[in-house]
Amino acid sequence: MKHIFKLTAFLLLFGLVSCQQKQTNGVPVVGFVDAFEDATIAQARVGFTDALKQNGFSEDKKTVVIKYSNAEGSIPTLTQIVNQFVSNKVDLLATCTTLASVTASQKTKTIPIFMMVSPTPARAHLIGADGKAPANLFGAVEDLPYIDTSFALIPKILKPKAGKLVVGMIYNQSEPQSADALARIQSLAKGLNITIVALPLNSSADAQLVTQSLLSKNIDAFFANPDNTVFASFETILKSCNQKNVPIFTSEAGLVKRGAVAAFGADIYQWGFQAGLQAAQYLKTHSAAGLKPEMVKIRKRVYNVAVAQKYHLTIPTNFQAIK
């Protein structure tokens, strides 16, 4: 397997170099970096490319070259991808999820980086000694206050008759926004008469074991917080929760379609689209004047009809149904 991984990494880098050499002079080149493969996260890339296309930068019309690479969850591969894009001097970097954005920020201070599915620079620990974020960071980012609304759905929908609700969570200690989200939720839970049981998960390979351990603690619900490892492991988490009849709530709208009960969170497609609009402006003007990381603008209240029926739950009327 090690030999296969090394060969894959070599072919990936060779392809990047070869494609870069074949680009047409004068056509802007975008290096798009995905940290891992995930059906929900993939919508950000679609939104980003659609925004470029609507503003005259289309691969079909050969008005832009988009080099796409996915690290498949490997940090060494992610580093290689970013290094190669920086070496090839792409016109801009598009980074999807926190790890990609942080890695890119560490590798270049000159090439513009348009982030998506990423936290604010402060949450990502990208603020320098001068108290400022790197000047080449742009795109659409998210902060934590919206989680309050998402988490508060649990007692409203489950409506406990007596005693405290017990909510289970999994978090990745190496992801800043995951640890910050856990701390915020633990504080919020006190005022909602909820007990939090949280276990660390640093690799999707351990998702089943950690989830089963969490379920053995008699939790009433599972809360899927903004964590890339949770995204990548969601089907495994969902299967284990379904077997124990434990509903999943989340702050990520995309996970509702995949089996969570309900969410108030960002639309991942629109998140990518918003970052793409900034990138298009940069490509048009060749200037970053007026650009800065901006908060996600479109969030949705959604629920999964089949899952709500499975658990006999009544959902607030202002939530959009997903079938």
Protein backbone atom coordinates (compact mmCIF):
# COMPACT_ATOMS: atom_id res chain seq x y z
CA MET A 1 0.00 0.00 0.00
CA LYS A 2 2.91 2.36 0.74
CA HIS A 3 4.26 1.84 -2.78
CA ILE A 4 0.80 2.50 -4.26
CA PHE A 5 0.47 5.70 -2.20
CA LYS A 6 3.89 6.94 -3.32
CA LEU A 7 3.08 6.16 -6.96
CA THR A 8 -0.27 7.97 -6.67
CA ALA A 9 1.40 11.02 -5.15
CA PHE A 10 4.05 11.00 -7.92
CA LEU A 11 1.44 10.75 -10.67
CA LEU A 12 -0.57 13.52 -9.04
CA LEU A 13 2.41 15.88 -8.98
CA PHE A 14 3.50 14.85 -12.48
CA GLY A 15 0.00 15.62 -13.74
CA LEU A 16 0.06 19.04 -12.10
CA VAL A 17 3.38 19.90 -13.73
CA SER A 18 2.37 18.54 -17.13
CA CYS A 19 -0.95 20.33 -17.16
CA GLN A 20 0.67 23.57 -16.03
CA GLN A 21 3.12 23.38 -18.91
CA LYS A 22 0.29 22.94 -21.39
CA GLN A 23 -1.73 25.97 -20.27
CA THR A 24 -2.46 28.70 -22.79
CA ASN A 25 -0.54 31.92 -22.30
CA GLY A 26 -2.67 34.70 -20.88
CA VAL A 27 -5.42 32.43 -19.52
CA PRO A 28 -5.66 32.68 -15.72
CA VAL A 29 -4.93 29.52 -13.76
CA VAL A 30 -6.79 28.59 -10.58
CA GLY A 31 -5.37 25.95 -8.25
CA PHE A 32 -8.31 24.33 -6.43
CA VAL A 33 -7.31 22.35 -3.34
CA ASP A 34 -9.71 19.94 -1.61
CA ALA A 35 -8.52 18.42 1.65
CA PHE A 36 -10.64 15.29 1.39
CA GLU A 37 -13.39 13.57 -0.59
CA ASP A 38 -16.93 14.12 0.67
CA ALA A 39 -20.28 14.31 -1.12
CA THR A 40 -21.49 17.32 0.86
CA ILE A 41 -18.23 19.27 0.73
CA ALA A 42 -17.99 18.64 -3.03
CA GLN A 43 -20.88 21.07 -3.55
CA ALA A 44 -18.58 23.95 -2.63
CA ARG A 45 -16.44 23.28 -5.69
CA VAL A 46 -19.54 23.25 -7.90
CA GLY A 47 -20.66 26.57 -6.47
CA PHE A 48 -17.21 28.09 -6.89
CA THR A 49 -16.86 27.09 -10.55
CA ASP A 50 -20.45 28.20 -11.29
CA ALA A 51 -19.67 31.66 -9.90
CA LEU A 52 -16.58 31.90 -12.11
CA LYS A 53 -18.56 30.73 -15.14
CA GLN A 54 -21.32 33.30 -14.57
CA ASN A 55 -18.64 35.98 -14.58
CA GLY A 56 -16.98 34.96 -17.83
CA PHE A 57 -14.39 32.48 -16.57
CA SER A 58 -15.37 29.17 -18.12
CA GLU A 59 -13.29 26.07 -18.73
CA ASP A 60 -15.58 25.17 -21.63
CA LYS A 61 -14.82 28.49 -23.32
CA LYS A 62 -11.15 28.26 -22.34
CA THR A 63 -11.25 31.56 -20.48
CA VAL A 64 -9.84 29.97 -17.32
CA VAL A 65 -7.84 26.89 -16.39
CA ILE A 66 -8.87 25.20 -13.14
CA LYS A 67 -6.39 22.69 -11.79
CA TYR A 68 -8.21 20.49 -9.26
CA SER A 69 -6.48 18.26 -6.73
CA ASN A 70 -7.87 16.32 -3.76
CA ALA A 71 -5.56 15.25 -0.94
CA GLU A 72 -7.94 12.42 0.07
CA GLY A 73 -7.38 13.23 3.73
CA SER A 74 -3.58 12.91 3.57
CA ILE A 75 -1.72 15.87 5.07
CA PRO A 76 1.57 15.03 3.28
CA THR A 77 -0.30 14.89 -0.05
CA LEU A 78 -2.08 18.15 0.78
CA THR A 79 1.27 19.82 1.43
CA GLN A 80 2.67 18.51 -1.86
CA ILE A 81 -0.34 19.77 -3.79
CA VAL A 82 -0.10 23.27 -2.34
CA ASN A 83 3.67 23.40 -2.81
CA GLN A 84 3.29 22.45 -6.47
CA PHE A 85 0.61 25.07 -7.11
CA VAL A 86 2.76 27.71 -5.43
CA SER A 87 5.80 26.60 -7.43
CA ASN A 88 3.79 26.84 -10.64
CA LYS A 89 2.68 30.36 -9.66
CA VAL A 90 -1.04 29.88 -10.23
CA ASP A 91 -3.02 33.11 -10.36
CA LEU A 92 -5.00 32.21 -7.27
CA LEU A 93 -5.65 29.34 -4.87
CA ALA A 94 -9.14 28.12 -3.97
CA THR A 95 -9.08 26.13 -0.74
CA CYS A 96 -11.88 23.92 0.52
CA THR A 97 -12.08 23.07 4.23
CA THR A 98 -9.89 24.23 7.06
CA LEU A 99 -6.83 22.06 6.49
CA ALA A 100 -6.50 23.20 2.87
CA SER A 101 -6.87 26.86 3.84
CA VAL A 102 -4.38 26.66 6.71
CA THR A 103 -1.83 24.75 4.60
CA ALA A 104 -2.07 27.25 1.76
CA SER A 105 -1.68 30.17 4.16
CA GLN A 106 1.47 28.60 5.57
CA LYS A 107 2.99 28.11 2.12
CA THR A 108 2.38 31.45 0.42
CA LYS A 109 1.91 35.06 1.46
CA THR A 110 1.67 36.41 -2.09
CA ILE A 111 -0.76 34.24 -4.09
CA PRO A 112 -4.37 35.19 -3.23
CA ILE A 113 -6.20 32.43 -1.32
CA PHE A 114 -9.98 32.20 -1.59
CA MET A 115 -11.24 30.08 1.28
CA MET A 116 -14.49 28.13 1.59
CA VAL A 117 -15.90 25.67 4.14
CA SER A 118 -13.37 27.19 6.51
CA PRO A 119 -13.53 29.17 9.77
CA THR A 120 -12.50 32.78 10.22
CA PRO A 121 -8.73 33.38 10.22
CA ALA A 122 -8.96 33.90 13.98
CA ARG A 123 -10.66 30.52 14.52
CA ALA A 124 -8.09 28.89 12.24
CA HIS A 125 -5.28 30.42 14.32
CA LEU A 126 -3.96 32.38 11.35
CA ILE A 127 -3.65 35.74 13.08
CA GLY A 128 -0.04 36.98 13.16
CA ALA A 129 1.92 38.64 15.94
CA ASP A 130 0.70 41.98 14.60
CA GLY A 131 -2.88 40.97 15.35
CA LYS A 132 -3.80 40.79 11.68
CA ALA A 133 -4.69 37.98 9.28
CA PRO A 134 -2.41 37.37 6.27
CA ALA A 135 -3.13 39.98 3.59
CA ASN A 136 -3.65 37.32 0.90
CA LEU A 137 -6.63 35.60 2.59
CA PHE A 138 -10.07 36.11 1.05
CA GLY A 139 -13.24 34.09 0.42
CA ALA A 140 -16.18 33.07 2.59
CA VAL A 141 -15.75 31.91 6.18
CA GLU A 142 -17.85 30.93 9.18
CA ASP A 143 -17.80 31.73 12.89
CA LEU A 144 -19.45 29.87 15.77
CA PRO A 145 -22.54 31.83 16.92
CA TYR A 146 -24.83 30.08 14.42
CA ILE A 147 -24.19 26.82 16.30
CA ASP A 148 -26.30 28.15 19.18
CA THR A 149 -29.42 28.05 17.01
CA SER A 150 -28.59 24.59 15.69
CA PHE A 151 -27.91 23.07 19.10
CA ALA A 152 -30.96 24.67 20.69
CA LEU A 153 -33.12 22.68 18.26
CA ILE A 154 -32.47 19.48 20.20
CA PRO A 155 -34.61 20.14 23.31
CA LYS A 156 -37.24 21.93 21.20
CA ILE A 157 -37.71 18.91 18.96
CA LEU A 158 -37.07 16.03 21.38
CA LYS A 159 -39.07 17.74 24.17
CA PRO A 160 -37.82 15.80 27.20
CA LYS A 161 -40.52 15.20 29.81
CA ALA A 162 -38.24 15.00 32.83
CA GLY A 163 -34.56 15.08 33.67
CA LYS A 164 -31.63 16.10 31.52
CA LEU A 165 -31.06 15.21 27.91
CA VAL A 166 -27.72 13.53 27.22
CA VAL A 167 -26.15 14.55 23.90
CA GLY A 168 -23.11 12.84 22.43
CA MET A 169 -20.43 14.53 20.34
CA ILE A 170 -17.25 13.61 18.52
CA TYR A 171 -14.53 16.20 17.99
CA ASN A 172 -11.12 16.40 16.36
CA GLN A 173 -8.54 17.90 18.72
CA SER A 174 -6.33 18.95 15.78
CA GLU A 175 -9.05 21.07 14.15
CA PRO A 176 -9.32 24.50 15.81
CA GLN A 177 -12.96 25.07 14.91
CA SER A 178 -13.92 21.62 16.24
CA ALA A 179 -12.41 22.20 19.67
CA ASP A 180 -13.85 25.73 19.79
CA ALA A 181 -17.29 24.42 18.84
CA LEU A 182 -17.18 21.81 21.60
CA ALA A 183 -16.29 24.44 24.20
CA ARG A 184 -19.10 26.70 23.00
CA ILE A 185 -21.66 23.88 23.03
CA GLN A 186 -20.62 22.74 26.52
CA SER A 187 -21.25 26.27 27.78
CA LEU A 188 -24.58 26.49 25.94
CA ALA A 189 -25.71 23.07 27.21
CA LYS A 190 -25.68 24.22 30.82
CA GLY A 191 -28.48 26.69 30.17
CA LEU A 192 -30.51 24.11 28.24
CA ASN A 193 -30.39 21.39 30.92
CA ILE A 194 -28.32 19.15 28.63
CA THR A 195 -25.39 16.95 29.55
CA ILE A 196 -22.63 16.67 26.93
CA VAL A 197 -20.65 13.48 26.48
CA ALA A 198 -17.77 14.05 24.06
CA LEU A 199 -15.07 11.75 22.74
CA PRO A 200 -12.08 12.65 20.52
CA LEU A 201 -11.83 11.30 16.98
CA ASN A 202 -8.64 12.11 15.11
CA SER A 203 -9.09 9.78 12.15
CA SER A 204 -12.14 8.62 10.21
CA ALA A 205 -10.70 5.09 10.44
CA ASP A 206 -11.68 5.08 14.14
CA ALA A 207 -15.17 6.45 13.61
CA GLN A 208 -17.08 3.22 14.19
CA LEU A 209 -15.23 2.31 17.38
CA VAL A 210 -15.53 5.81 18.86
CA THR A 211 -19.20 6.17 17.91
CA GLN A 212 -20.09 2.81 19.45
CA SER A 213 -18.28 3.81 22.62
CA LEU A 214 -20.27 7.04 22.70
CA LEU A 215 -23.55 5.19 22.16
CA SER A 216 -22.79 2.86 25.08
CA LYS A 217 -23.15 5.90 27.37
CA ASN A 218 -26.94 6.04 26.81
CA ILE A 219 -27.06 9.29 24.87
CA ASP A 220 -30.44 10.65 23.74
CA ALA A 221 -29.11 12.35 20.61
CA PHE A 222 -25.91 12.89 18.65
CA PHE A 223 -24.78 16.37 17.60
CA ALA A 224 -22.58 16.52 14.48
CA ASN A 225 -20.54 19.68 14.96
CA PRO A 226 -18.53 21.53 12.26
CA ASP A 227 -15.67 19.06 11.99
CA ASN A 228 -14.09 17.72 8.80
CA THR A 229 -13.50 14.29 10.36
CA VAL A 230 -17.20 14.07 11.24
CA PHE A 231 -18.08 14.99 7.63
CA ALA A 232 -15.78 12.29 6.26
CA SER A 233 -17.10 9.68 8.73
CA PHE A 234 -20.76 10.63 8.66
CA GLU A 235 -22.14 7.47 7.05
CA THR A 236 -20.32 5.33 9.62
CA ILE A 237 -21.62 7.49 12.46
CA LEU A 238 -25.14 7.43 11.01
CA LYS A 239 -25.21 3.64 10.69
CA SER A 240 -24.20 3.15 14.31
CA CYS A 241 -26.71 5.75 15.56
CA ASN A 242 -29.53 4.25 13.51
CA GLN A 243 -28.85 0.83 15.02
CA LYS A 244 -29.34 2.32 18.50
CA ASN A 245 -32.26 4.58 17.46
CA VAL A 246 -30.34 7.73 18.34
CA PRO A 247 -31.25 10.76 16.15
CA ILE A 248 -28.52 13.04 14.79
CA PHE A 249 -28.77 16.82 14.86
CA THR A 250 -26.23 19.09 13.20
CA SER A 251 -25.19 22.63 12.35
CA GLU A 252 -24.39 21.62 8.76
CA ALA A 253 -27.32 21.71 6.31
CA GLY A 254 -25.63 19.28 3.92
CA LEU A 255 -25.67 16.47 6.49
CA VAL A 256 -29.47 16.56 6.74
CA LYS A 257 -29.82 15.14 3.24
CA ARG A 258 -27.43 12.38 4.31
CA GLY A 259 -29.50 11.37 7.33
CA ALA A 260 -29.43 13.93 10.14
CA VAL A 261 -32.79 15.11 11.51
CA ALA A 262 -32.47 18.88 11.17
CA ALA A 263 -30.03 21.75 10.95
CA PHE A 264 -29.57 25.47 10.78
CA GLY A 265 -26.41 25.97 8.80
CA ALA A 266 -24.63 27.14 5.70
CA ASP A 267 -25.60 25.92 2.26
CA ILE A 268 -22.31 24.43 1.03
CA TYR A 269 -23.01 25.17 -2.64
CA GLN A 270 -23.72 28.82 -1.83
CA TRP A 271 -20.63 28.93 0.37
CA GLY A 272 -18.47 27.98 -2.61
CA PHE A 273 -20.43 30.32 -4.88
CA GLN A 274 -19.78 33.24 -2.53
CA ALA A 275 -16.04 32.54 -2.54
CA GLY A 276 -16.17 32.17 -6.32
CA LEU A 277 -17.69 35.64 -6.74
CA GLN A 278 -14.71 37.12 -4.93
CA ALA A 279 -12.29 35.10 -7.05
CA ALA A 280 -14.03 36.28 -10.22
CA GLN A 281 -13.72 39.89 -9.11
CA TYR A 282 -10.00 39.40 -8.57
CA LEU A 283 -9.54 37.80 -12.00
CA LYS A 284 -11.44 40.63 -13.66
CA THR A 285 -9.57 43.47 -11.99
CA HIS A 286 -6.22 41.83 -11.18
CA SER A 287 -6.59 43.57 -7.84
CA ALA A 288 -7.62 42.51 -4.33
CA ALA A 289 -8.78 46.02 -3.44
CA GLY A 290 -11.94 45.84 -1.36
CA LEU A 291 -11.71 42.09 -0.85
CA LYS A 292 -11.47 40.40 2.55
CA PRO A 293 -12.71 37.21 4.23
CA GLU A 294 -16.45 37.64 4.61
CA MET A 295 -19.00 35.71 6.62
CA VAL A 296 -21.22 33.16 4.91
CA LYS A 297 -24.37 34.95 3.78
CA ILE A 298 -26.81 32.10 3.11
CA ARG A 299 -27.89 29.70 5.83
CA LYS A 300 -30.87 27.36 5.78
CA ARG A 301 -33.23 25.72 8.24
CA VAL A 302 -33.81 22.23 6.87
CA TYR A 303 -35.08 18.85 8.04
CA ASN A 304 -35.13 15.32 6.68
CA VAL A 305 -38.74 14.17 6.23
CA ALA A 306 -38.02 10.43 6.40
CA VAL A 307 -35.81 10.72 9.47
CA ALA A 308 -38.33 12.92 11.30
CA GLN A 309 -41.01 10.31 10.59
CA LYS A 310 -38.73 7.49 11.76
CA TYR A 311 -38.29 9.12 15.16
CA HIS A 312 -41.86 10.54 15.31
CA LEU A 313 -40.59 14.09 15.64
CA THR A 314 -42.47 17.34 15.00
CA ILE A 315 -40.34 19.93 13.22
CA PRO A 316 -40.93 23.72 13.43
CA THR A 317 -42.94 25.06 10.49
CA ASN A 318 -40.19 27.46 9.36
CA PHE A 319 -37.94 24.55 8.33
CA GLN A 320 -37.60 23.48 4.70
CA ALA A 321 -38.32 19.80 4.05
CA ILE A 322 -35.69 17.64 2.35
CA LYS A 323 -36.78 14.27 1.00
